PDB file of all heavy atoms in Angstrom:
ATOM      1  N   PHE A   1      15.065  87.001  -3.965  1.00  0.00           N
ATOM      2  CA  PHE A   1      14.125  86.243  -4.793  1.00  0.00           C
ATOM      3  C   PHE A   1      14.865  85.611  -5.978  1.00  0.00           C
ATOM      4  O   PHE A   1      14.633  84.449  -6.332  1.00  0.00           O
ATOM      5  CB  PHE A   1      13.011  87.149  -5.292  1.00  0.00           C
ATOM      6  CG  PHE A   1      11.919  87.423  -4.277  1.00  0.00           C
ATOM      7  CD1 PHE A   1      12.066  87.045  -2.949  1.00  0.00           C
ATOM      8  CD2 PHE A   1      10.751  88.068  -4.642  1.00  0.00           C
ATOM      9  CE1 PHE A   1      11.070  87.295  -2.010  1.00  0.00           C
ATOM     10  CE2 PHE A   1       9.740  88.316  -3.721  1.00  0.00           C
ATOM     11  CZ  PHE A   1       9.901  87.927  -2.403  1.00  0.00           C
ATOM     12  N   TRP A   2      15.756  86.393  -6.602  1.00  0.00           N
ATOM     13  CA  TRP A   2      16.520  85.867  -7.738  1.00  0.00           C
ATOM     14  C   TRP A   2      17.503  84.796  -7.285  1.00  0.00           C
ATOM     15  O   TRP A   2      17.761  83.836  -8.022  1.00  0.00           O
ATOM     16  CB  TRP A   2      17.231  86.995  -8.482  1.00  0.00           C
ATOM     17  CG  TRP A   2      16.315  87.657  -9.464  1.00  0.00           C
ATOM     18  CD1 TRP A   2      15.748  88.892  -9.369  1.00  0.00           C
ATOM     19  CD2 TRP A   2      15.831  87.084 -10.684  1.00  0.00           C
ATOM     20  NE1 TRP A   2      14.939  89.122 -10.457  1.00  0.00           N
ATOM     21  CE2 TRP A   2      14.973  88.030 -11.281  1.00  0.00           C
ATOM     22  CE3 TRP A   2      16.033  85.873 -11.334  1.00  0.00           C
ATOM     23  CZ2 TRP A   2      14.321  87.797 -12.487  1.00  0.00           C
ATOM     24  CZ3 TRP A   2      15.384  85.631 -12.540  1.00  0.00           C
ATOM     25  CH2 TRP A   2      14.534  86.591 -13.107  1.00  0.00           C
ATOM     26  N   VAL A   3      18.052  84.928  -6.098  1.00  0.00           N
ATOM     27  CA  VAL A   3      18.916  83.877  -5.557  1.00  0.00           C
ATOM     28  C   VAL A   3      18.119  82.585  -5.395  1.00  0.00           C
ATOM     29  O   VAL A   3      18.595  81.493  -5.748  1.00  0.00           O
ATOM     30  CB  VAL A   3      19.536  84.306  -4.211  1.00  0.00           C
ATOM     31  CG1 VAL A   3      20.213  83.114  -3.526  1.00  0.00           C
ATOM     32  CG2 VAL A   3      20.551  85.421  -4.424  1.00  0.00           C
ATOM     33  N   CYS A   4      16.911  82.694  -4.880  1.00  0.00           N
ATOM     34  CA  CYS A   4      16.050  81.509  -4.729  1.00  0.00           C
ATOM     35  C   CYS A   4      15.780  80.864  -6.079  1.00  0.00           C
ATOM     36  O   CYS A   4      15.824  79.627  -6.212  1.00  0.00           O
ATOM     37  CB  CYS A   4      14.720  81.889  -4.067  1.00  0.00           C
ATOM     38  SG  CYS A   4      14.840  82.267  -2.305  1.00  0.00           S
ATOM     39  N   TYR A   5      15.513  81.679  -7.083  1.00  0.00           N
ATOM     40  CA  TYR A   5      15.235  81.123  -8.411  1.00  0.00           C
ATOM     41  C   TYR A   5      16.485  80.436  -8.970  1.00  0.00           C
ATOM     42  O   TYR A   5      16.410  79.323  -9.509  1.00  0.00           O
ATOM     43  CB  TYR A   5      14.761  82.212  -9.366  1.00  0.00           C
ATOM     44  CG  TYR A   5      14.566  81.693 -10.777  1.00  0.00           C
ATOM     45  CD1 TYR A   5      13.572  80.750 -11.058  1.00  0.00           C
ATOM     46  CD2 TYR A   5      15.382  82.118 -11.819  1.00  0.00           C
ATOM     47  CE1 TYR A   5      13.395  80.257 -12.342  1.00  0.00           C
ATOM     48  CE2 TYR A   5      15.216  81.618 -13.104  1.00  0.00           C
ATOM     49  CZ  TYR A   5      14.220  80.693 -13.359  1.00  0.00           C
ATOM     50  OH  TYR A   5      14.066  80.191 -14.627  1.00  0.00           O
ATOM     51  N   LEU A   6      17.653  81.081  -8.842  1.00  0.00           N
ATOM     52  CA  LEU A   6      18.892  80.492  -9.348  1.00  0.00           C
ATOM     53  C   LEU A   6      19.199  79.182  -8.618  1.00  0.00           C
ATOM     54  O   LEU A   6      19.608  78.192  -9.243  1.00  0.00           O
ATOM     55  CB  LEU A   6      20.056  81.475  -9.198  1.00  0.00           C
ATOM     56  CG  LEU A   6      21.444  80.974  -9.626  1.00  0.00           C
ATOM     57  CD1 LEU A   6      21.431  80.420 -11.041  1.00  0.00           C
ATOM     58  CD2 LEU A   6      22.470  82.106  -9.503  1.00  0.00           C
ATOM     59  N   LEU A   7      19.008  79.158  -7.311  1.00  0.00           N
ATOM     60  CA  LEU A   7      19.230  77.922  -6.558  1.00  0.00           C
ATOM     61  C   LEU A   7      18.274  76.820  -7.011  1.00  0.00           C
ATOM     62  O   LEU A   7      18.641  75.640  -7.058  1.00  0.00           O
ATOM     63  CB  LEU A   7      19.068  78.179  -5.058  1.00  0.00           C
ATOM     64  CG  LEU A   7      20.224  78.920  -4.380  1.00  0.00           C
ATOM     65  CD1 LEU A   7      19.857  79.284  -2.950  1.00  0.00           C
ATOM     66  CD2 LEU A   7      21.496  78.068  -4.400  1.00  0.00           C
ATOM     67  N   THR A   8      17.052  77.201  -7.373  1.00  0.00           N
ATOM     68  CA  THR A   8      16.099  76.222  -7.891  1.00  0.00           C
ATOM     69  C   THR A   8      16.591  75.658  -9.221  1.00  0.00           C
ATOM     70  O   THR A   8      16.516  74.448  -9.464  1.00  0.00           O
ATOM     71  CB  THR A   8      14.712  76.868  -8.082  1.00  0.00           C
ATOM     72  OG1 THR A   8      14.265  77.418  -6.842  1.00  0.00           O
ATOM     73  CG2 THR A   8      13.688  75.840  -8.550  1.00  0.00           C
ATOM     74  N   VAL A   9      17.101  76.540 -10.088  1.00  0.00           N
ATOM     75  CA  VAL A   9      17.674  76.095 -11.366  1.00  0.00           C
ATOM     76  C   VAL A   9      18.816  75.108 -11.119  1.00  0.00           C
ATOM     77  O   VAL A   9      18.926  74.067 -11.783  1.00  0.00           O
ATOM     78  CB  VAL A   9      18.191  77.305 -12.182  1.00  0.00           C
ATOM     79  CG1 VAL A   9      19.027  76.855 -13.373  1.00  0.00           C
ATOM     80  CG2 VAL A   9      17.017  78.152 -12.676  1.00  0.00           C
ATOM     81  N   LEU A  10      19.675  75.419 -10.152  1.00  0.00           N
ATOM     82  CA  LEU A  10      20.850  74.589  -9.880  1.00  0.00           C
ATOM     83  C   LEU A  10      20.489  73.253  -9.233  1.00  0.00           C
ATOM     84  O   LEU A  10      21.154  72.238  -9.471  1.00  0.00           O
ATOM     85  CB  LEU A  10      21.820  75.348  -8.969  1.00  0.00           C
ATOM     86  CG  LEU A  10      22.453  76.616  -9.562  1.00  0.00           C
ATOM     87  CD1 LEU A  10      23.235  77.365  -8.494  1.00  0.00           C
ATOM     88  CD2 LEU A  10      23.347  76.277 -10.746  1.00  0.00           C
ATOM     89  N   CYS A  11      19.433  73.255  -8.425  1.00  0.00           N
ATOM     90  CA  CYS A  11      19.070  72.050  -7.669  1.00  0.00           C
ATOM     91  C   CYS A  11      18.115  71.126  -8.415  1.00  0.00           C
ATOM     92  O   CYS A  11      18.007  69.944  -8.067  1.00  0.00           O
ATOM     93  CB  CYS A  11      18.442  72.437  -6.328  1.00  0.00           C
ATOM     94  SG  CYS A  11      19.609  73.152  -5.145  1.00  0.00           S
ATOM     95  N   CYS A  12      17.425  71.641  -9.421  1.00  0.00           N
ATOM     96  CA  CYS A  12      16.411  70.849 -10.111  1.00  0.00           C
ATOM     97  C   CYS A  12      17.070  69.662 -10.826  1.00  0.00           C
ATOM     98  O   CYS A  12      17.867  69.836 -11.751  1.00  0.00           O
ATOM     99  CB  CYS A  12      15.658  71.723 -11.100  1.00  0.00           C
ATOM    100  SG  CYS A  12      14.234  70.891 -11.843  1.00  0.00           S
ATOM    101  N   HIS A  13      16.750  68.455 -10.380  1.00  0.00           N
ATOM    102  CA  HIS A  13      17.294  67.213 -10.958  1.00  0.00           C
ATOM    103  C   HIS A  13      18.814  67.139 -10.830  1.00  0.00           C
ATOM    104  O   HIS A  13      19.478  66.493 -11.656  1.00  0.00           O
ATOM    105  CB  HIS A  13      16.885  67.063 -12.433  1.00  0.00           C
ATOM    106  CG  HIS A  13      15.421  66.860 -12.625  1.00  0.00           C
ATOM    107  ND1 HIS A  13      14.873  66.484 -13.819  1.00  0.00           N
ATOM    108  CD2 HIS A  13      14.376  66.987 -11.766  1.00  0.00           C
ATOM    109  CE1 HIS A  13      13.562  66.376 -13.697  1.00  0.00           C
ATOM    110  NE2 HIS A  13      13.246  66.679 -12.461  1.00  0.00           N
ATOM    111  N   ASN A  14      19.382  67.812  -9.822  1.00  0.00           N
ATOM    112  CA  ASN A  14      20.823  67.785  -9.616  1.00  0.00           C
ATOM    113  C   ASN A  14      21.081  67.444  -8.142  1.00  0.00           C
ATOM    114  O   ASN A  14      21.286  68.324  -7.305  1.00  0.00           O
ATOM    115  CB  ASN A  14      21.442  69.141  -9.975  1.00  0.00           C
ATOM    116  CG  ASN A  14      22.956  69.097 -10.053  1.00  0.00           C
ATOM    117  OD1 ASN A  14      23.599  68.352  -9.330  1.00  0.00           O
ATOM    118  ND2 ASN A  14      23.524  69.915 -10.931  1.00  0.00           N
ATOM    119  N   THR A  15      21.053  66.154  -7.851  1.00  0.00           N
ATOM    120  CA  THR A  15      21.167  65.690  -6.466  1.00  0.00           C
ATOM    121  C   THR A  15      22.444  66.151  -5.768  1.00  0.00           C
ATOM    122  O   THR A  15      22.393  66.572  -4.600  1.00  0.00           O
ATOM    123  CB  THR A  15      21.063  64.156  -6.407  1.00  0.00           C
ATOM    124  OG1 THR A  15      19.834  63.750  -7.032  1.00  0.00           O
ATOM    125  CG2 THR A  15      21.095  63.661  -4.970  1.00  0.00           C
ATOM    126  N   PRO A  16      23.617  66.105  -6.437  1.00  0.00           N
ATOM    127  CA  PRO A  16      24.835  66.584  -5.751  1.00  0.00           C
ATOM    128  C   PRO A  16      24.722  68.038  -5.297  1.00  0.00           C
ATOM    129  O   PRO A  16      25.195  68.392  -4.218  1.00  0.00           O
ATOM    130  CB  PRO A  16      25.921  66.415  -6.827  1.00  0.00           C
ATOM    131  CG  PRO A  16      25.426  65.308  -7.686  1.00  0.00           C
ATOM    132  CD  PRO A  16      23.939  65.507  -7.750  1.00  0.00           C
ATOM    133  N   TYR A  17      24.084  68.884  -6.121  1.00  0.00           N
ATOM    134  CA  TYR A  17      23.950  70.291  -5.737  1.00  0.00           C
ATOM    135  C   TYR A  17      22.971  70.437  -4.581  1.00  0.00           C
ATOM    136  O   TYR A  17      23.176  71.256  -3.680  1.00  0.00           O
ATOM    137  CB  TYR A  17      23.489  71.143  -6.924  1.00  0.00           C
ATOM    138  CG  TYR A  17      24.235  72.445  -7.016  1.00  0.00           C
ATOM    139  CD1 TYR A  17      25.163  72.688  -8.018  1.00  0.00           C
ATOM    140  CD2 TYR A  17      24.032  73.447  -6.072  1.00  0.00           C
ATOM    141  CE1 TYR A  17      25.870  73.873  -8.087  1.00  0.00           C
ATOM    142  CE2 TYR A  17      24.743  74.629  -6.130  1.00  0.00           C
ATOM    143  CZ  TYR A  17      25.654  74.834  -7.132  1.00  0.00           C
ATOM    144  OH  TYR A  17      26.356  76.012  -7.178  1.00  0.00           O
ATOM    145  N   ILE A  18      21.912  69.653  -4.591  1.00  0.00           N
ATOM    146  CA  ILE A  18      20.961  69.676  -3.478  1.00  0.00           C
ATOM    147  C   ILE A  18      21.679  69.344  -2.175  1.00  0.00           C
ATOM    148  O   ILE A  18      21.488  69.999  -1.145  1.00  0.00           O
ATOM    149  CB  ILE A  18      19.806  68.681  -3.726  1.00  0.00           C
ATOM    150  CG1 ILE A  18      18.928  69.159  -4.889  1.00  0.00           C
ATOM    151  CG2 ILE A  18      18.973  68.489  -2.460  1.00  0.00           C
ATOM    152  CD1 ILE A  18      17.847  68.169  -5.286  1.00  0.00           C
ATOM    153  N   ARG A  19      22.535  68.322  -2.227  1.00  0.00           N
ATOM    154  CA  ARG A  19      23.262  67.901  -1.026  1.00  0.00           C
ATOM    155  C   ARG A  19      24.195  69.011  -0.536  1.00  0.00           C
ATOM    156  O   ARG A  19      24.260  69.294   0.674  1.00  0.00           O
ATOM    157  CB  ARG A  19      24.072  66.639  -1.341  1.00  0.00           C
ATOM    158  CG  ARG A  19      24.738  66.017  -0.128  1.00  0.00           C
ATOM    159  CD  ARG A  19      25.488  64.740  -0.489  1.00  0.00           C
ATOM    160  NE  ARG A  19      24.572  63.731  -1.015  1.00  0.00           N
ATOM    161  CZ  ARG A  19      24.582  63.298  -2.280  1.00  0.00           C
ATOM    162  NH1 ARG A  19      25.443  63.798  -3.152  1.00  0.00           N
ATOM    163  NH2 ARG A  19      23.733  62.384  -2.667  1.00  0.00           N
ATOM    164  N   ILE A  20      24.881  69.676  -1.474  1.00  0.00           N
ATOM    165  CA  ILE A  20      25.807  70.748  -1.102  1.00  0.00           C
ATOM    166  C   ILE A  20      25.065  71.899  -0.432  1.00  0.00           C
ATOM    167  O   ILE A  20      25.475  72.400   0.619  1.00  0.00           O
ATOM    168  CB  ILE A  20      26.567  71.251  -2.352  1.00  0.00           C
ATOM    169  CG1 ILE A  20      27.595  70.217  -2.799  1.00  0.00           C
ATOM    170  CG2 ILE A  20      27.260  72.578  -2.061  1.00  0.00           C
ATOM    171  CD1 ILE A  20      28.244  70.546  -4.124  1.00  0.00           C
ATOM    172  N   ILE A  21      23.965  72.332  -1.054  1.00  0.00           N
ATOM    173  CA  ILE A  21      23.204  73.460  -0.514  1.00  0.00           C
ATOM    174  C   ILE A  21      22.636  73.112   0.861  1.00  0.00           C
ATOM    175  O   ILE A  21      22.662  73.928   1.792  1.00  0.00           O
ATOM    176  CB  ILE A  21      22.068  73.864  -1.480  1.00  0.00           C
ATOM    177  CG1 ILE A  21      22.634  74.327  -2.828  1.00  0.00           C
ATOM    178  CG2 ILE A  21      21.215  74.967  -0.869  1.00  0.00           C
ATOM    179  CD1 ILE A  21      23.528  75.534  -2.754  1.00  0.00           C
ATOM    180  N   HIS A  22      22.126  71.892   0.983  1.00  0.00           N
ATOM    181  CA  HIS A  22      21.542  71.468   2.252  1.00  0.00           C
ATOM    182  C   HIS A  22      22.595  71.460   3.355  1.00  0.00           C
ATOM    183  O   HIS A  22      22.351  71.948   4.475  1.00  0.00           O
ATOM    184  CB  HIS A  22      20.937  70.072   2.099  1.00  0.00           C
ATOM    185  CG  HIS A  22      20.032  69.668   3.219  1.00  0.00           C
ATOM    186  ND1 HIS A  22      20.517  69.290   4.453  1.00  0.00           N
ATOM    187  CD2 HIS A  22      18.678  69.588   3.294  1.00  0.00           C
ATOM    188  CE1 HIS A  22      19.504  68.988   5.244  1.00  0.00           C
ATOM    189  NE2 HIS A  22      18.375  69.156   4.568  1.00  0.00           N
ATOM    190  N   GLU A  23      23.777  70.923   3.047  1.00  0.00           N
ATOM    191  CA  GLU A  23      24.830  70.828   4.054  1.00  0.00           C
ATOM    192  C   GLU A  23      25.403  72.196   4.409  1.00  0.00           C
ATOM    193  O   GLU A  23      25.692  72.472   5.583  1.00  0.00           O
ATOM    194  CB  GLU A  23      25.939  69.894   3.548  1.00  0.00           C
ATOM    195  CG  GLU A  23      25.507  68.439   3.456  1.00  0.00           C
ATOM    196  CD  GLU A  23      26.587  67.541   2.861  1.00  0.00           C
ATOM    197  OE1 GLU A  23      27.636  68.083   2.441  1.00  0.00           O
ATOM    198  OE2 GLU A  23      26.373  66.319   2.822  1.00  0.00           O
ATOM    199  N   LEU A  24      25.578  73.054   3.413  1.00  0.00           N
ATOM    200  CA  LEU A  24      26.124  74.385   3.670  1.00  0.00           C
ATOM    201  C   LEU A  24      25.139  75.273   4.422  1.00  0.00           C
ATOM    202  O   LEU A  24      25.516  76.041   5.299  1.00  0.00           O
ATOM    203  CB  LEU A  24      26.506  75.066   2.351  1.00  0.00           C
ATOM    204  CG  LEU A  24      27.760  74.570   1.631  1.00  0.00           C
ATOM    205  CD1 LEU A  24      27.906  75.282   0.284  1.00  0.00           C
ATOM    206  CD2 LEU A  24      29.003  74.812   2.479  1.00  0.00           C
ATOM    207  N   GLY A  25      23.868  75.172   4.036  1.00  0.00           N
ATOM    208  CA  GLY A  25      22.860  76.085   4.588  1.00  0.00           C
ATOM    209  C   GLY A  25      22.355  75.693   5.956  1.00  0.00           C
ATOM    210  O   GLY A  25      22.260  76.525   6.859  1.00  0.00           O
ATOM    211  N   GLY A  26      22.005  74.418   6.114  1.00  0.00           N
ATOM    212  CA  GLY A  26      21.524  73.914   7.387  1.00  0.00           C
ATOM    213  C   GLY A  26      20.297  74.644   7.918  1.00  0.00           C
ATOM    214  O   GLY A  26      19.455  75.152   7.160  1.00  0.00           O
ATOM    215  N   GLN A  27      20.214  74.723   9.229  1.00  0.00           N
ATOM    216  CA  GLN A  27      19.068  75.327   9.897  1.00  0.00           C
ATOM    217  C   GLN A  27      18.912  76.802   9.550  1.00  0.00           C
ATOM    218  O   GLN A  27      17.791  77.307   9.404  1.00  0.00           O
ATOM    219  CB  GLN A  27      19.212  75.171  11.416  1.00  0.00           C
ATOM    220  CG  GLN A  27      18.042  75.726  12.214  1.00  0.00           C
ATOM    221  CD  GLN A  27      16.748  75.006  11.922  1.00  0.00           C
ATOM    222  OE1 GLN A  27      16.721  73.773  11.890  1.00  0.00           O
ATOM    223  NE2 GLN A  27      15.672  75.753  11.681  1.00  0.00           N
ATOM    224  N   LYS A  28      20.026  77.497   9.394  1.00  0.00           N
ATOM    225  CA  LYS A  28      19.970  78.924   9.081  1.00  0.00           C
ATOM    226  C   LYS A  28      19.301  79.158   7.725  1.00  0.00           C
ATOM    227  O   LYS A  28      18.479  80.066   7.577  1.00  0.00           O
ATOM    228  CB  LYS A  28      21.384  79.513   9.068  1.00  0.00           C
ATOM    229  CG  LYS A  28      21.429  81.028   8.965  1.00  0.00           C
ATOM    230  CD  LYS A  28      22.852  81.536   9.102  1.00  0.00           C
ATOM    231  CE  LYS A  28      22.899  83.053   9.067  1.00  0.00           C
ATOM    232  NZ  LYS A  28      24.301  83.568   9.206  1.00  0.00           N
ATOM    233  N   LEU A  29      19.629  78.304   6.753  1.00  0.00           N
ATOM    234  CA  LEU A  29      19.001  78.425   5.434  1.00  0.00           C
ATOM    235  C   LEU A  29      17.520  78.097   5.509  1.00  0.00           C
ATOM    236  O   LEU A  29      16.696  78.785   4.914  1.00  0.00           O
ATOM    237  CB  LEU A  29      19.696  77.489   4.443  1.00  0.00           C
ATOM    238  CG  LEU A  29      19.061  77.394   3.056  1.00  0.00           C
ATOM    239  CD1 LEU A  29      19.039  78.750   2.370  1.00  0.00           C
ATOM    240  CD2 LEU A  29      19.796  76.364   2.203  1.00  0.00           C
ATOM    241  N   GLU A  30      17.179  77.052   6.227  1.00  0.00           N
ATOM    242  CA  GLU A  30      15.773  76.678   6.364  1.00  0.00           C
ATOM    243  C   GLU A  30      14.964  77.831   6.954  1.00  0.00           C
ATOM    244  O   GLU A  30      13.877  78.167   6.456  1.00  0.00           O
ATOM    245  CB  GLU A  30      15.642  75.441   7.251  1.00  0.00           C
ATOM    246  CG  GLU A  30      14.196  74.984   7.427  1.00  0.00           C
ATOM    247  CD  GLU A  30      14.078  73.756   8.312  1.00  0.00           C
ATOM    248  OE1 GLU A  30      15.112  73.280   8.823  1.00  0.00           O
ATOM    249  OE2 GLU A  30      12.945  73.272   8.505  1.00  0.00           O
ATOM    250  N   THR A  31      15.491  78.454   7.990  1.00  0.00           N
ATOM    251  CA  THR A  31      14.804  79.585   8.621  1.00  0.00           C
ATOM    252  C   THR A  31      14.624  80.733   7.642  1.00  0.00           C
ATOM    253  O   THR A  31      13.559  81.348   7.572  1.00  0.00           O
ATOM    254  CB  THR A  31      15.595  80.064   9.855  1.00  0.00           C
ATOM    255  OG1 THR A  31      15.730  78.984  10.779  1.00  0.00           O
ATOM    256  CG2 THR A  31      14.890  81.237  10.524  1.00  0.00           C
ATOM    257  N   LYS A  32      15.670  81.020   6.865  1.00  0.00           N
ATOM    258  CA  LYS A  32      15.609  82.128   5.912  1.00  0.00           C
ATOM    259  C   LYS A  32      14.611  81.831   4.805  1.00  0.00           C
ATOM    260  O   LYS A  32      13.839  82.715   4.392  1.00  0.00           O
ATOM    261  CB  LYS A  32      17.001  82.372   5.306  1.00  0.00           C
ATOM    262  CG  LYS A  32      17.087  83.678   4.535  1.00  0.00           C
ATOM    263  CD  LYS A  32      16.843  84.854   5.463  1.00  0.00           C
ATOM    264  CE  LYS A  32      16.781  86.168   4.732  1.00  0.00           C
ATOM    265  NZ  LYS A  32      16.544  87.306   5.626  1.00  0.00           N
ATOM    266  N   LEU A  33      14.595  80.606   4.313  1.00  0.00           N
ATOM    267  CA  LEU A  33      13.662  80.242   3.244  1.00  0.00           C
ATOM    268  C   LEU A  33      12.213  80.293   3.730  1.00  0.00           C
ATOM    269  O   LEU A  33      11.316  80.694   2.985  1.00  0.00           O
ATOM    270  CB  LEU A  33      13.993  78.854   2.699  1.00  0.00           C
ATOM    271  CG  LEU A  33      15.275  78.738   1.871  1.00  0.00           C
ATOM    272  CD1 LEU A  33      15.526  77.293   1.483  1.00  0.00           C
ATOM    273  CD2 LEU A  33      15.201  79.632   0.631  1.00  0.00           C
ATOM    274  N   LYS A  34      11.990  79.903   4.971  1.00  0.00           N
ATOM    275  CA  LYS A  34      10.634  79.985   5.528  1.00  0.00           C
ATOM    276  C   LYS A  34      10.173  81.439   5.560  1.00  0.00           C
ATOM    277  O   LYS A  34       9.019  81.747   5.234  1.00  0.00           O
ATOM    278  CB  LYS A  34      10.596  79.382   6.930  1.00  0.00           C
ATOM    279  CG  LYS A  34      10.657  77.877   6.955  1.00  0.00           C
ATOM    280  CD  LYS A  34      10.632  77.375   8.399  1.00  0.00           C
ATOM    281  CE  LYS A  34      10.715  75.862   8.462  1.00  0.00           C
ATOM    282  NZ  LYS A  34      10.762  75.368   9.858  1.00  0.00           N
ATOM    283  N   PHE A  35      11.089  82.318   5.959  1.00  0.00           N
ATOM    284  CA  PHE A  35      10.745  83.744   5.999  1.00  0.00           C
ATOM    285  C   PHE A  35      10.451  84.271   4.594  1.00  0.00           C
ATOM    286  O   PHE A  35       9.452  84.959   4.371  1.00  0.00           O
ATOM    287  CB  PHE A  35      11.896  84.532   6.624  1.00  0.00           C
ATOM    288  CG  PHE A  35      11.715  86.024   6.557  1.00  0.00           C
ATOM    289  CD1 PHE A  35      10.785  86.667   7.371  1.00  0.00           C
ATOM    290  CD2 PHE A  35      12.453  86.793   5.666  1.00  0.00           C
ATOM    291  CE1 PHE A  35      10.607  88.046   7.302  1.00  0.00           C
ATOM    292  CE2 PHE A  35      12.273  88.167   5.591  1.00  0.00           C
ATOM    293  CZ  PHE A  35      11.356  88.792   6.403  1.00  0.00           C
ATOM    294  N   LEU A  36      11.314  83.941   3.632  1.00  0.00           N
ATOM    295  CA  LEU A  36      11.111  84.420   2.265  1.00  0.00           C
ATOM    296  C   LEU A  36       9.857  83.813   1.638  1.00  0.00           C
ATOM    297  O   LEU A  36       9.166  84.478   0.853  1.00  0.00           O
ATOM    298  CB  LEU A  36      12.333  84.087   1.404  1.00  0.00           C
ATOM    299  CG  LEU A  36      13.610  84.873   1.720  1.00  0.00           C
ATOM    300  CD1 LEU A  36      14.794  84.302   0.957  1.00  0.00           C
ATOM    301  CD2 LEU A  36      13.437  86.355   1.380  1.00  0.00           C
ATOM    302  N   SER A  37       9.545  82.582   1.985  1.00  0.00           N
ATOM    303  CA  SER A  37       8.354  81.934   1.417  1.00  0.00           C
ATOM    304  C   SER A  37       7.069  82.580   1.928  1.00  0.00           C
ATOM    305  O   SER A  37       6.018  82.474   1.293  1.00  0.00           O
ATOM    306  CB  SER A  37       8.353  80.439   1.747  1.00  0.00           C
ATOM    307  OG  SER A  37       8.149  80.219   3.130  1.00  0.00           O
ATOM    308  N   SER A  38       7.158  83.260   3.074  1.00  0.00           N
ATOM    309  CA  SER A  38       5.975  83.921   3.646  1.00  0.00           C
ATOM    310  C   SER A  38       5.729  85.294   3.022  1.00  0.00           C
ATOM    311  O   SER A  38       4.705  85.926   3.281  1.00  0.00           O
ATOM    312  CB  SER A  38       6.140  84.067   5.164  1.00  0.00           C
ATOM    313  OG  SER A  38       7.162  85.017   5.471  1.00  0.00           O
ATOM    314  N   MET A  39       6.667  85.750   2.181  1.00  0.00           N
ATOM    315  CA  MET A  39       6.540  87.064   1.566  1.00  0.00           C
ATOM    316  C   MET A  39       5.691  86.985   0.304  1.00  0.00           C
ATOM    317  O   MET A  39       5.370  85.908  -0.191  1.00  0.00           O
ATOM    318  CB  MET A  39       7.928  87.633   1.254  1.00  0.00           C
ATOM    319  CG  MET A  39       8.815  87.789   2.483  1.00  0.00           C
ATOM    320  SD  MET A  39      10.421  88.526   2.126  1.00  0.00           S
ATOM    321  CE  MET A  39       9.943  90.236   1.846  1.00  0.00           C
ATOM    322  N   GLU A  40       5.333  88.146  -0.206  1.00  0.00           N
ATOM    323  CA  GLU A  40       4.486  88.231  -1.403  1.00  0.00           C
ATOM    324  C   GLU A  40       5.333  88.055  -2.656  1.00  0.00           C
ATOM    325  O   GLU A  40       6.239  88.844  -2.922  1.00  0.00           O
ATOM    326  CB  GLU A  40       3.773  89.592  -1.437  1.00  0.00           C
ATOM    327  CG  GLU A  40       2.891  89.802  -2.653  1.00  0.00           C
ATOM    328  CD  GLU A  40       1.790  88.761  -2.748  1.00  0.00           C
ATOM    329  OE1 GLU A  40       1.027  88.606  -1.782  1.00  0.00           O
ATOM    330  OE2 GLU A  40       1.710  88.103  -3.811  1.00  0.00           O
ATOM    331  N   TRP A  41       5.050  87.008  -3.422  1.00  0.00           N
ATOM    332  CA  TRP A  41       5.761  86.729  -4.672  1.00  0.00           C
ATOM    333  C   TRP A  41       4.896  87.100  -5.877  1.00  0.00           C
ATOM    334  O   TRP A  41       4.920  86.433  -6.908  1.00  0.00           O
ATOM    335  CB  TRP A  41       6.165  85.256  -4.740  1.00  0.00           C
ATOM    336  CG  TRP A  41       7.321  84.894  -3.857  1.00  0.00           C
ATOM    337  CD1 TRP A  41       7.339  84.847  -2.495  1.00  0.00           C
ATOM    338  CD2 TRP A  41       8.647  84.542  -4.287  1.00  0.00           C
ATOM    339  NE1 TRP A  41       8.583  84.484  -2.037  1.00  0.00           N
ATOM    340  CE2 TRP A  41       9.406  84.283  -3.116  1.00  0.00           C
ATOM    341  CE3 TRP A  41       9.259  84.409  -5.535  1.00  0.00           C
ATOM    342  CZ2 TRP A  41      10.749  83.909  -3.157  1.00  0.00           C
ATOM    343  CZ3 TRP A  41      10.589  84.028  -5.586  1.00  0.00           C
ATOM    344  CH2 TRP A  41      11.323  83.791  -4.413  1.00  0.00           C
ATOM    345  N   SER A  42       4.168  88.150  -5.737  1.00  0.00           N
ATOM    346  CA  SER A  42       3.243  88.570  -6.792  1.00  0.00           C
ATOM    347  C   SER A  42       3.995  88.811  -8.103  1.00  0.00           C
ATOM    348  O   SER A  42       5.028  89.484  -8.136  1.00  0.00           O
ATOM    349  CB  SER A  42       2.526  89.860  -6.368  1.00  0.00           C
ATOM    350  OG  SER A  42       1.683  90.319  -7.388  1.00  0.00           O
TER     351      SER A  42
END
C-alpha cells in the first residue's frame, strides 16, 4: 500500500516517471495493481 502511495507521489504531474513505471511494470504491474485495488483500503 505504501509503495502504491509513493509511486503516486512520484508519478503525479511527472510524465517521465509515469513512462518509466509503465514500461518497467507492463502487464505484470497492471495485474498486481488490479489485485491491490480490489483490497480494502479502509
